[in-house]
Protein backbone atom coordinates (compact mmCIF):
# COMPACT_ATOMS: atom_id res chain seq x y z
CA UNK A 1 93.89 -0.41 -4.08
CA UNK A 2 93.37 -0.63 -7.89
CA UNK A 3 93.70 2.13 -9.71
CA UNK A 4 89.97 2.64 -11.02
CA UNK A 5 88.91 2.42 -7.11
CA UNK A 6 91.71 4.84 -6.82
CA UNK A 7 90.35 7.50 -9.51
CA UNK A 8 87.05 6.96 -8.66
CA UNK A 9 88.25 7.98 -4.64
CA UNK A 10 89.64 11.09 -5.61
CA UNK A 11 86.74 11.85 -8.27
CA UNK A 12 84.73 10.94 -4.94
CA UNK A 13 86.33 13.54 -2.76
CA UNK A 14 87.15 16.04 -5.26
CA UNK A 15 83.37 16.40 -6.23
CA UNK A 16 82.40 16.77 -2.22
CA UNK A 17 85.00 19.42 -1.78
CA UNK A 18 83.50 21.24 -5.14
CA UNK A 19 79.70 20.89 -3.17
CA UNK A 20 80.98 22.23 -0.07
CA UNK A 21 82.63 25.20 -0.85
CA UNK A 22 79.84 25.66 -3.19
CA UNK A 23 77.25 25.71 -0.71
CA UNK A 24 78.52 29.01 1.33
CA UNK A 25 77.81 30.65 -2.24
CA UNK A 26 74.48 29.06 -2.66
CA UNK A 27 73.33 30.23 0.41
CA UNK A 28 75.08 33.44 -0.09
CA UNK A 29 72.73 34.08 -3.27
CA UNK A 30 69.41 32.32 -1.81
CA UNK A 31 70.17 34.87 1.04
CA UNK A 32 67.71 37.07 1.78
CA UNK A 33 69.68 40.07 3.74
CA UNK A 34 67.22 42.46 4.78
CA UNK A 35 63.76 40.90 3.97
CA UNK A 36 64.79 37.98 6.16
CA UNK A 37 62.22 37.59 8.90
CA UNK A 38 63.37 37.96 12.45
CA UNK A 39 62.20 34.71 13.16
CA UNK A 40 64.35 33.07 10.91
CA UNK A 41 66.85 35.96 11.74
CA UNK A 42 67.11 34.36 15.33
CA UNK A 43 66.78 30.64 14.34
CA UNK A 44 70.92 30.90 12.15
CA UNK A 45 73.86 30.70 13.52
CA UNK A 46 75.98 33.16 13.69
CA UNK A 47 77.96 32.37 10.03
CA UNK A 48 74.48 32.51 8.71
CA UNK A 49 73.84 35.66 10.23
CA UNK A 50 76.99 37.55 9.39
CA UNK A 51 76.04 36.74 5.62
CA UNK A 52 72.29 37.83 6.33
CA UNK A 53 73.46 41.07 7.73
CA UNK A 54 76.44 41.55 5.56
CA UNK A 55 74.30 41.91 2.10
CA UNK A 56 71.28 43.77 4.31
CA UNK A 57 74.14 46.49 4.92
CA UNK A 58 75.30 46.01 0.97
CA UNK A 59 71.76 46.68 0.81
CA UNK A 60 71.05 49.81 2.44
CA UNK A 61 74.10 51.15 1.12
CA UNK A 62 74.01 50.34 -2.30
CA UNK A 63 78.01 49.46 -2.24
CA UNK A 64 78.23 46.00 -3.05
CA UNK A 65 82.11 46.09 -1.45
CA UNK A 66 82.35 44.24 1.80
CA UNK A 67 81.80 46.45 5.05
CA UNK A 68 84.29 46.60 7.56
CA UNK A 69 83.53 43.46 10.56
CA UNK A 70 82.91 46.13 12.94
CA UNK A 71 79.99 47.35 10.99
CA UNK A 72 78.90 44.01 10.70
CA UNK A 73 79.26 42.95 14.19
CA UNK A 74 77.23 45.80 15.28
CA UNK A 75 74.52 45.61 13.22
CA UNK A 76 74.76 41.95 13.75
CA UNK A 77 73.74 42.87 17.74
CA UNK A 78 71.36 45.78 17.02
CA UNK A 79 69.29 43.15 14.63
CA UNK A 80 69.80 40.41 17.40
CA UNK A 81 68.37 42.81 19.96
CA UNK A 82 65.41 44.03 18.38
CA UNK A 83 64.00 40.79 16.42
CA UNK A 84 64.32 38.94 20.02
CA UNK A 85 61.80 41.26 20.93
CA UNK A 86 59.65 42.23 18.10
CA UNK A 87 56.14 41.48 18.62
CA UNK A 88 55.67 39.62 15.01
CA UNK A 89 58.81 37.64 14.09
CA UNK A 90 57.38 38.16 10.29
CA UNK A 91 59.08 41.37 10.81
CA UNK A 92 61.85 41.59 8.14
CA UNK A 93 65.14 43.03 9.78
CA UNK A 94 65.50 45.99 7.88
CA UNK A 95 61.85 46.88 9.74
CA UNK A 96 62.78 46.28 12.77
CA UNK A 97 62.55 48.80 15.28
CA UNK A 98 62.04 49.87 18.81
CA UNK A 99 58.13 50.49 18.12
CA UNK A 100 58.06 46.93 16.91
CA UNK A 101 58.24 45.57 20.46
CA UNK A 102 55.44 47.47 21.57
CA UNK A 103 52.97 47.28 18.05
CA UNK A 104 52.65 44.12 15.89
CA UNK A 105 53.76 45.60 12.41
């Protein structure tokens, strides 16, 4: 392999790693946290749901520290359960509650 090809391949690999590692940071920055609609939350994979709930907890507490894993896990379970039965899928996760099961908010 020539030096030019080797350098080009190495640069492409480095760029790919940079883009892939940056995607999670971009996803976190663009994530709406508590303003995420229940219908969107349900469609997210587990990793994206964790990011959403972590941001939501930070928004609710006003604390920028990462919440404990247990707190995130319990919140994920609660939001998942509430969002699956909301009468209105456009309900933000911060507003999902028992009443939303019966009343279209």
